[in-house]
Amino acid sequence: MYSILYHYELNTWLHGPRPTKTIPQSMYGEGALKMPTTQSASSAIRKPSASKFQGQTGPKSDAGKNRSRFNALRHSRHAKSKVLPYEDEKAYKNLIKAVFRDLNPEGAIEEDLAMQFVDSFWRRSRMEDKIRTKNDEIFGQLDAPMMAGMLNVPEQYIDFAPDYLLNMSFRVGPKQTEQAHYAWCQYESMVRDYESGQLTNVQEIGAHFSALFEYVQIWFKEHPQLECLYTPQQKALHPYWVKESEQLLQIVDVVGAGLYYRAHFSSWKEQIRNWMQIWYLSQKSALREIDQYDLVLIKEVHLSQCIIEKLMKLQKFKTDGLAYLGRQLLWQEQIIAASKGEALGMAKLQNEMPKNA
């Protein structure tokens, strides 16, 4: 730049100023059409519209600003705020402490990588929660009576379907299954005898179907607000239930339905799994949303792995560098010690050499 100015000044000093070209008055005289200069045209383009951009845009209140922080939220992955309003900020801080304690970052670069891993881990946990919640919503729409209908359960038992029918971790042991099946068979016999008119007295029913009424007694113990089933001596039905025999038989129906499900649950498990799978796969719109969450989750897992690899390489580079530096220092110390030893050896030889007479 200085050379250009120097040549310009030298040319001006030798040849004088460059003559200016006069423009005819007829072109740019009074009343003529004035052409806009480059500067005025560009400034006109850059000049904003006062009506469009006048004043501050966006929310002004604290509540509005807090809401606008989450405008960029899309699948919770591109959120500007690390912790969403429904999440636990204390858990996020505890995660930071745990990650920094495990990775032990040193320096600004390692700390930045550690924070990137924390954020990726937090988003990954968020996606896992979303997937879990969505799956719960899908299976929440499937209730026990619906599953009983899929299993072709007799109509009189469908309304009594227990919740554990959808719980694959629930277990009924072989002995419990056998006892429940025997008591349920007694219930079926009782219903036939009662409907045929062979047995109508509840005292006789209780005595004849003892295995069934053992489960009825367990039901009464689970409902202590009701009158006891038997007298204190446990020898006969309580007079109240003899009088209210219709109500007692309704309770026996409830117990009999429960025995039916207990007796057959173990043999139904495989069918229940199949029907649950069919139900799950039929929820196509929800599954598409879960697939999107899965893709985001896979990206976050890959990102976490890449961050950890970068951090490990950086720490290894620093460790190797320190080890190399230590070896160099040790080598230099050995050279210095060897040179000192040679110098001492030469001085000793010189002292031992015979002096000239």
Protein backbone atom coordinates (compact mmCIF):
# COMPACT_ATOMS: atom_id res chain seq x y z
CA MET A 1 0.00 0.00 0.00
CA TYR A 2 2.85 2.35 0.84
CA SER A 3 4.46 1.68 -2.57
CA ILE A 4 1.24 2.60 -4.37
CA LEU A 5 0.98 5.91 -2.50
CA TYR A 6 4.64 6.61 -3.16
CA HIS A 7 4.28 6.10 -6.93
CA TYR A 8 1.12 8.20 -6.99
CA GLU A 9 2.84 11.13 -5.23
CA LEU A 10 5.89 10.81 -7.47
CA ASN A 11 3.76 10.82 -10.62
CA THR A 12 1.85 13.88 -9.37
CA TRP A 13 5.08 15.73 -8.59
CA LEU A 14 6.55 14.97 -12.06
CA HIS A 15 3.51 15.41 -14.32
CA GLY A 16 1.12 17.43 -12.21
CA PRO A 17 -2.40 16.48 -11.16
CA ARG A 18 -4.47 14.40 -13.58
CA PRO A 19 -6.92 16.62 -15.53
CA THR A 20 -10.54 16.18 -14.70
CA LYS A 21 -12.98 15.53 -17.49
CA THR A 22 -15.68 18.17 -17.69
CA ILE A 23 -19.21 16.94 -18.10
CA PRO A 24 -21.47 18.94 -20.44
CA GLN A 25 -24.09 21.00 -18.69
CA SER A 26 -26.73 19.48 -20.91
CA MET A 27 -26.17 16.07 -19.35
CA TYR A 28 -26.26 16.96 -15.67
CA GLY A 29 -27.49 20.49 -15.74
CA GLU A 30 -30.47 21.98 -14.04
CA GLY A 31 -33.63 20.02 -14.75
CA ALA A 32 -31.72 17.06 -16.18
CA LEU A 33 -32.26 13.50 -14.99
CA LYS A 34 -29.67 12.76 -12.28
CA MET A 35 -28.24 9.24 -12.27
CA PRO A 36 -27.85 7.71 -8.81
CA THR A 37 -24.29 7.04 -7.69
CA THR A 38 -23.12 3.56 -6.64
CA GLN A 39 -22.95 4.62 -3.01
CA SER A 40 -26.48 5.98 -2.94
CA ALA A 41 -27.88 2.85 -4.67
CA SER A 42 -26.22 0.44 -2.26
CA SER A 43 -27.24 2.50 0.73
CA ALA A 44 -30.80 2.54 -0.57
CA ILE A 45 -30.74 -1.25 -0.79
CA ARG A 46 -29.31 -1.65 2.69
CA LYS A 47 -31.68 0.83 4.29
CA PRO A 48 -34.28 -1.13 6.27
CA SER A 49 -37.95 -0.38 6.21
CA ALA A 50 -38.92 1.63 9.25
CA SER A 51 -42.40 0.14 9.36
CA LYS A 52 -41.13 -3.43 9.21
CA PHE A 53 -38.23 -3.35 11.68
CA GLN A 54 -39.19 -0.45 13.92
CA GLY A 55 -38.79 -1.32 17.59
CA GLN A 56 -37.63 -4.53 19.28
CA THR A 57 -39.07 -7.83 18.05
CA GLY A 58 -39.69 -10.91 20.17
CA PRO A 59 -40.97 -11.28 23.72
CA LYS A 60 -40.12 -8.62 26.28
CA SER A 61 -41.37 -10.16 29.54
CA ASP A 62 -39.37 -12.73 31.51
CA ALA A 63 -42.10 -15.33 31.07
CA GLY A 64 -42.14 -14.81 27.30
CA LYS A 65 -38.36 -15.04 27.07
CA ASN A 66 -38.40 -18.26 29.07
CA ARG A 67 -40.98 -19.71 26.67
CA SER A 68 -39.06 -18.59 23.58
CA ARG A 69 -35.96 -20.45 24.76
CA PHE A 70 -37.66 -23.68 23.69
CA ASN A 71 -38.81 -22.52 20.24
CA ALA A 72 -35.97 -24.46 18.57
CA LEU A 73 -36.99 -27.70 20.27
CA ARG A 74 -37.32 -30.49 17.70
CA HIS A 75 -37.19 -34.08 19.03
CA SER A 76 -35.47 -32.40 22.04
CA ARG A 77 -32.14 -32.78 20.24
CA HIS A 78 -31.72 -29.19 19.00
CA ALA A 79 -32.97 -27.56 22.19
CA LYS A 80 -31.15 -24.35 23.13
CA SER A 81 -31.59 -25.08 26.82
CA LYS A 82 -29.83 -28.16 28.15
CA VAL A 83 -32.51 -28.89 30.76
CA LEU A 84 -36.16 -28.79 29.69
CA PRO A 85 -38.79 -27.38 32.06
CA TYR A 86 -40.05 -30.82 33.15
CA GLU A 87 -36.56 -32.24 33.76
CA ASP A 88 -34.57 -32.29 36.98
CA GLU A 89 -31.77 -29.71 36.87
CA LYS A 90 -30.21 -31.23 39.98
CA ALA A 91 -29.90 -34.58 38.19
CA TYR A 92 -28.18 -32.79 35.28
CA LYS A 93 -25.65 -31.21 37.64
CA ASN A 94 -25.04 -34.54 39.34
CA LEU A 95 -24.39 -36.06 35.91
CA ILE A 96 -21.79 -33.36 35.21
CA LYS A 97 -20.02 -34.14 38.50
CA ALA A 98 -20.07 -37.90 37.84
CA VAL A 99 -18.72 -37.55 34.27
CA PHE A 100 -15.98 -35.13 35.30
CA ARG A 101 -15.02 -37.46 38.16
CA ASP A 102 -14.77 -40.46 35.80
CA LEU A 103 -13.11 -38.75 32.81
CA ASN A 104 -10.93 -36.41 34.88
CA PRO A 105 -10.49 -33.79 32.14
CA GLU A 106 -7.54 -31.40 32.30
CA GLY A 107 -7.49 -28.14 30.42
CA ALA A 108 -10.09 -26.24 28.45
CA ILE A 109 -10.19 -28.66 25.48
CA GLU A 110 -10.75 -31.77 27.59
CA GLU A 111 -13.35 -30.00 29.73
CA ASP A 112 -15.20 -28.92 26.57
CA LEU A 113 -15.22 -32.52 25.29
CA ALA A 114 -16.43 -33.74 28.68
CA MET A 115 -19.31 -31.23 28.61
CA GLN A 116 -20.21 -32.34 25.07
CA PHE A 117 -20.38 -35.91 26.35
CA VAL A 118 -22.60 -34.82 29.27
CA ASP A 119 -25.03 -33.06 26.92
CA SER A 120 -25.11 -36.01 24.51
CA PHE A 121 -25.66 -38.44 27.40
CA TRP A 122 -28.49 -36.23 28.73
CA ARG A 123 -30.19 -36.06 25.34
CA ARG A 124 -29.80 -39.82 24.95
CA SER A 125 -31.50 -40.41 28.30
CA ARG A 126 -34.26 -38.04 27.21
CA MET A 127 -34.83 -40.05 24.03
CA GLU A 128 -34.91 -43.31 26.00
CA ASP A 129 -37.54 -41.81 28.31
CA LYS A 130 -39.60 -40.70 25.30
CA ILE A 131 -39.45 -44.17 23.75
CA ARG A 132 -40.38 -45.79 27.06
CA THR A 133 -43.27 -43.39 27.56
CA LYS A 134 -44.55 -43.97 24.03
CA ASN A 135 -44.41 -47.74 24.50
CA ASP A 136 -46.31 -47.39 27.77
CA GLU A 137 -48.94 -45.33 25.95
CA ILE A 138 -49.33 -48.06 23.33
CA PHE A 139 -49.75 -50.84 25.87
CA GLY A 140 -51.81 -48.57 28.12
CA GLN A 141 -54.54 -48.64 25.50
CA LEU A 142 -54.65 -52.44 25.77
CA ASP A 143 -56.52 -53.47 28.93
CA ALA A 144 -57.08 -56.85 30.54
CA PRO A 145 -60.66 -57.41 29.25
CA MET A 146 -59.45 -56.78 25.69
CA MET A 147 -56.74 -59.38 26.12
CA ALA A 148 -59.27 -61.80 27.61
CA GLY A 149 -61.37 -61.38 24.48
CA MET A 150 -58.32 -62.10 22.30
CA LEU A 151 -57.77 -65.31 24.28
CA ASN A 152 -61.37 -66.41 23.66
CA VAL A 153 -62.16 -66.40 27.37
CA PRO A 154 -65.80 -67.33 28.13
CA GLU A 155 -68.00 -64.26 28.18
CA GLN A 156 -68.96 -64.61 31.85
CA TYR A 157 -65.30 -64.25 32.85
CA ILE A 158 -64.23 -61.33 30.61
CA ASP A 159 -65.31 -58.55 32.97
CA PHE A 160 -63.29 -60.16 35.78
CA ALA A 161 -59.99 -60.21 33.85
CA PRO A 162 -57.13 -59.38 36.27
CA ASP A 163 -54.45 -56.78 35.54
CA TYR A 164 -51.65 -59.36 35.73
CA LEU A 165 -52.96 -60.77 32.46
CA LEU A 166 -50.76 -58.14 30.75
CA ASN A 167 -47.81 -58.60 33.09
CA MET A 168 -45.36 -61.11 31.65
CA SER A 169 -43.25 -61.03 34.81
CA PHE A 170 -46.18 -62.32 36.91
CA ARG A 171 -45.77 -65.99 37.73
CA VAL A 172 -48.12 -68.69 38.97
CA GLY A 173 -46.23 -71.78 40.12
CA PRO A 174 -47.18 -75.32 39.08
CA LYS A 175 -48.57 -76.17 42.53
CA GLN A 176 -50.63 -72.98 42.68
CA THR A 177 -51.90 -73.66 39.17
CA GLU A 178 -52.97 -77.18 40.15
CA GLN A 179 -54.75 -76.04 43.33
CA ALA A 180 -56.49 -73.19 41.49
CA HIS A 181 -57.60 -75.56 38.74
CA TYR A 182 -59.09 -78.00 41.27
CA ALA A 183 -60.96 -75.21 43.09
CA TRP A 184 -62.19 -73.77 39.78
CA CYS A 185 -63.53 -77.21 38.77
CA GLN A 186 -65.47 -77.23 42.06
CA TYR A 187 -66.86 -73.80 41.18
CA GLU A 188 -68.04 -75.07 37.78
CA SER A 189 -69.73 -78.05 39.50
CA MET A 190 -71.35 -75.72 42.04
CA VAL A 191 -72.79 -73.55 39.26
CA ARG A 192 -74.25 -76.55 37.46
CA ASP A 193 -75.72 -77.98 40.68
CA TYR A 194 -77.15 -74.64 41.73
CA GLU A 195 -78.70 -73.94 38.34
CA SER A 196 -80.15 -77.45 38.17
CA GLY A 197 -81.63 -77.08 41.66
CA GLN A 198 -79.64 -79.93 43.24
CA LEU A 199 -77.98 -77.59 45.75
CA THR A 200 -79.65 -74.38 46.86
CA ASN A 201 -78.67 -74.09 50.53
CA VAL A 202 -75.46 -72.11 50.99
CA GLN A 203 -74.55 -74.10 54.11
CA GLU A 204 -74.59 -77.29 52.04
CA ILE A 205 -72.71 -75.59 49.21
CA GLY A 206 -69.98 -74.43 51.60
CA ALA A 207 -69.60 -77.89 53.11
CA HIS A 208 -69.68 -79.73 49.76
CA PHE A 209 -67.19 -77.51 47.93
CA SER A 210 -64.60 -77.00 50.68
CA ALA A 211 -61.63 -76.32 48.34
CA LEU A 212 -63.55 -73.54 46.62
CA PHE A 213 -64.61 -71.95 49.90
CA GLU A 214 -61.03 -71.91 51.14
CA TYR A 215 -60.34 -69.35 48.41
CA VAL A 216 -63.60 -67.58 49.28
CA GLN A 217 -62.36 -67.26 52.85
CA ILE A 218 -59.04 -65.81 51.59
CA TRP A 219 -61.06 -63.25 49.62
CA PHE A 220 -62.93 -62.25 52.78
CA LYS A 221 -59.65 -61.79 54.66
CA GLU A 222 -58.54 -59.39 51.92
CA HIS A 223 -61.77 -57.41 52.49
CA PRO A 224 -61.95 -57.01 56.28
CA GLN A 225 -64.68 -54.36 56.03
CA LEU A 226 -67.20 -57.12 55.31
CA GLU A 227 -68.77 -59.49 57.80
CA CYS A 228 -66.73 -62.65 58.47
CA LEU A 229 -67.56 -65.64 56.31
CA TYR A 230 -67.62 -68.17 59.16
CA THR A 231 -68.65 -68.07 62.78
CA PRO A 232 -65.88 -67.64 65.38
CA GLN A 233 -65.73 -71.41 65.86
CA GLN A 234 -65.14 -71.80 62.06
CA LYS A 235 -67.72 -74.60 61.94
CA ALA A 236 -70.51 -73.00 59.92
CA LEU A 237 -71.23 -70.02 57.72
CA HIS A 238 -72.02 -66.80 59.48
CA PRO A 239 -75.79 -66.28 59.90
CA TYR A 240 -75.51 -62.97 58.05
CA TRP A 241 -74.34 -64.74 54.87
CA VAL A 242 -76.90 -67.46 55.24
CA LYS A 243 -79.48 -64.73 55.15
CA GLU A 244 -77.73 -62.81 52.33
CA SER A 245 -77.09 -65.91 50.23
CA GLU A 246 -77.50 -64.10 46.88
CA GLN A 247 -74.79 -61.59 47.78
CA LEU A 248 -72.54 -64.44 48.95
CA LEU A 249 -72.99 -66.28 45.67
CA GLN A 250 -72.03 -63.13 43.78
CA ILE A 251 -68.79 -63.06 45.76
CA VAL A 252 -68.28 -66.75 44.96
CA ASP A 253 -68.65 -65.87 41.26
CA VAL A 254 -65.87 -63.29 41.60
CA VAL A 255 -63.62 -65.84 43.33
CA GLY A 256 -64.44 -68.48 40.71
CA ALA A 257 -63.48 -66.11 37.87
CA GLY A 258 -60.19 -65.35 39.61
CA LEU A 259 -59.52 -69.08 39.95
CA TYR A 260 -60.20 -69.55 36.24
CA TYR A 261 -57.49 -67.03 35.31
CA ARG A 262 -54.99 -68.42 37.81
CA ALA A 263 -55.55 -71.94 36.56
CA HIS A 264 -54.92 -71.00 32.92
CA PHE A 265 -52.45 -68.10 33.07
CA SER A 266 -49.28 -70.18 32.72
CA SER A 267 -50.62 -71.96 29.63
CA TRP A 268 -51.68 -68.60 28.10
CA LYS A 269 -48.35 -66.81 28.37
CA GLU A 270 -47.13 -67.60 24.87
CA GLN A 271 -50.47 -66.56 23.36
CA ILE A 272 -50.47 -63.36 25.39
CA ARG A 273 -47.00 -62.46 24.08
CA ASN A 274 -48.13 -63.06 20.51
CA TRP A 275 -51.26 -60.96 20.92
CA MET A 276 -49.29 -58.16 22.56
CA GLN A 277 -46.86 -58.18 19.65
CA ILE A 278 -49.72 -58.02 17.14
CA TRP A 279 -51.28 -55.16 19.06
CA TYR A 280 -47.97 -53.31 19.23
CA LEU A 281 -47.26 -53.64 15.52
CA SER A 282 -50.77 -52.50 14.63
CA GLN A 283 -50.14 -49.04 16.16
CA LYS A 284 -48.46 -47.71 13.01
CA SER A 285 -48.63 -43.98 13.70
CA ALA A 286 -47.11 -44.40 17.15
CA LEU A 287 -44.43 -46.73 15.77
CA ARG A 288 -43.39 -44.14 13.19
CA GLU A 289 -42.83 -41.67 15.99
CA ILE A 290 -40.84 -44.24 17.95
CA ASP A 291 -38.72 -44.92 14.85
CA GLN A 292 -37.84 -41.22 14.70
CA TYR A 293 -36.84 -41.31 18.35
CA ASP A 294 -34.74 -44.41 17.68
CA LEU A 295 -32.84 -42.64 14.89
CA VAL A 296 -32.08 -39.70 17.16
CA LEU A 297 -31.01 -42.12 19.90
CA ILE A 298 -28.62 -43.93 17.53
CA LYS A 299 -27.06 -40.60 16.49
CA GLU A 300 -26.59 -39.60 20.12
CA VAL A 301 -24.96 -42.93 20.99
CA HIS A 302 -22.59 -42.55 18.02
CA LEU A 303 -21.83 -38.95 19.03
CA SER A 304 -21.06 -40.02 22.60
CA GLN A 305 -18.67 -42.68 21.37
CA CYS A 306 -16.89 -40.22 19.08
CA ILE A 307 -16.50 -37.70 21.91
CA ILE A 308 -15.06 -40.34 24.22
CA GLU A 309 -12.63 -41.48 21.51
CA LYS A 310 -11.45 -37.91 20.96
CA LEU A 311 -10.97 -37.39 24.66
CA MET A 312 -9.09 -40.67 25.07
CA LYS A 313 -6.81 -39.86 22.11
CA LEU A 314 -6.09 -36.41 23.51
CA GLN A 315 -5.26 -37.78 26.94
CA LYS A 316 -3.09 -40.52 25.40
CA PHE A 317 -1.28 -37.92 23.30
CA LYS A 318 -0.55 -35.89 26.40
CA THR A 319 0.57 -38.97 28.34
CA ASP A 320 2.82 -40.12 25.50
CA GLY A 321 4.22 -36.62 25.15
CA LEU A 322 5.08 -36.44 28.85
CA ALA A 323 6.67 -39.90 28.69
CA TYR A 324 8.73 -38.87 25.66
CA LEU A 325 9.78 -35.68 27.41
CA GLY A 326 10.80 -37.71 30.46
CA ARG A 327 12.89 -40.03 28.32
CA GLN A 328 14.55 -37.06 26.64
CA LEU A 329 15.43 -35.49 29.98
CA LEU A 330 16.81 -38.79 31.25
CA TRP A 331 18.88 -39.19 28.09
CA GLN A 332 20.28 -35.67 28.44
CA GLU A 333 21.14 -36.31 32.08
CA GLN A 334 22.99 -39.47 31.08
CA ILE A 335 24.92 -37.59 28.41
CA ILE A 336 25.84 -34.85 30.87
CA ALA A 337 26.90 -37.43 33.44
CA ALA A 338 28.96 -39.29 30.83
CA SER A 339 30.64 -36.08 29.66
CA LYS A 340 31.45 -35.18 33.23
CA GLY A 341 32.87 -38.63 33.76
CA GLU A 342 35.08 -38.31 30.68
CA ALA A 343 36.27 -34.92 31.84
CA LEU A 344 37.18 -36.31 35.26
CA GLY A 345 38.93 -39.27 33.63
CA MET A 346 41.02 -36.98 31.42
CA ALA A 347 41.94 -34.79 34.38
CA LYS A 348 43.00 -37.87 36.34
CA LEU A 349 45.18 -39.11 33.45
CA GLN A 350 46.80 -35.73 33.15
CA ASN A 351 47.63 -35.75 36.83
CA GLU A 352 49.07 -39.22 36.61
CA MET A 353 51.27 -38.43 33.62
CA PRO A 354 55.01 -37.98 34.56
CA LYS A 355 56.13 -34.40 34.48
CA ASN A 356 59.11 -33.40 32.29
CA ALA A 357 62.34 -33.04 34.20
